[in-house]
């Protein structure tokens, strides 16, 4: 993002709800999000804009669960008014913000959502190949600190002791990181997800954005276990590994975000899909879209909802017995005997 775009985006984020009310007038506020049908201001609920900064990210960021597109409030202006040139988008943003219009400058590159270049996929594969299994590493320490101890079948999770991290100021740092391979239905790596860790593995690294993905994620997931006729899909890696503490033989598919969860591809043999939602509007929108897609494919879709914000929060704050009890009542009866672990 250029300096001009970054400054305008930041100013718009400070007035995120006002931007949404002006450019996405067919939507409405629900909690900390603005929900609307799409970037063209169509009625509906698939696009959600974060109105306040939170642990999930800064204000002004948006995701369309139906298409997988995402961006900031400059993209909202571009899409709602169907503007092609960044100069026009910037002029409109300045008008909305009551800022002076500068003398003409060379046009900045057009801002649009594009597929990840193949070079990003190759870089993701190289990073995963350079990483090591998580057993005995800070990645294992990090997961255990979050109550996650069953780590069988997690070959798609690895550890890198010195993974590059680039803050917004353009500098470069290195931190230990948990590296997750994002794969398509054939098992080919299409991207990776990095979770930078504190030097002792006690928590995530103290950086602005401790989680980032690279490569081509749309349709792919981090696959844990081998899917058969039944599997569970959700957003976060820790969320899905927490569920696996009580469903140790069920295949899990973290999609890494609500938008990507809504767009996952279904394995050919899949007949029942458990949709693990985070307890927020983004999770609701992803759930609704995925249920509709699964039913259209003849796949039974069953939502699994946490008692708190997500299943890792349930595991850490309520304990494994409460997590098991809460999940058990939501499973199909035949899957209780097939997948659920018994208390010790």
Foldseek 3Di string as FASTA:
>chain_A
DDPLVVVLLVLCLVVVVVLCCVLLVLWDDDPQWTAAQDLLNHHDGQKIFGNDADPVGHGQWIAGLQPRDIDGSLSSQCNNVVPFFSLVSSVVSCVVVVHDDDDDDPTDDTDDDDFADVVQQVVQVVVLVPFAACVPHLQQVLLVLLVQDDCPQQSQKTKDAFDWDAAPVGDIGTAIWIKGFWAALVRRGFKIKIAGADNNSNYTDPGPDRIDMIGGQAQTFRKGADAAQEAEEEADPSLQSLLCVFQVHHIYTHSNFLSNLLGHDDHPRHAEYEYFFFPDSSRVSSLVSNCVVQVVVNHHYFYQYDPDGGSSCCCRPVHDVVSNVSRCVRDDVVSCVVGGDDDD
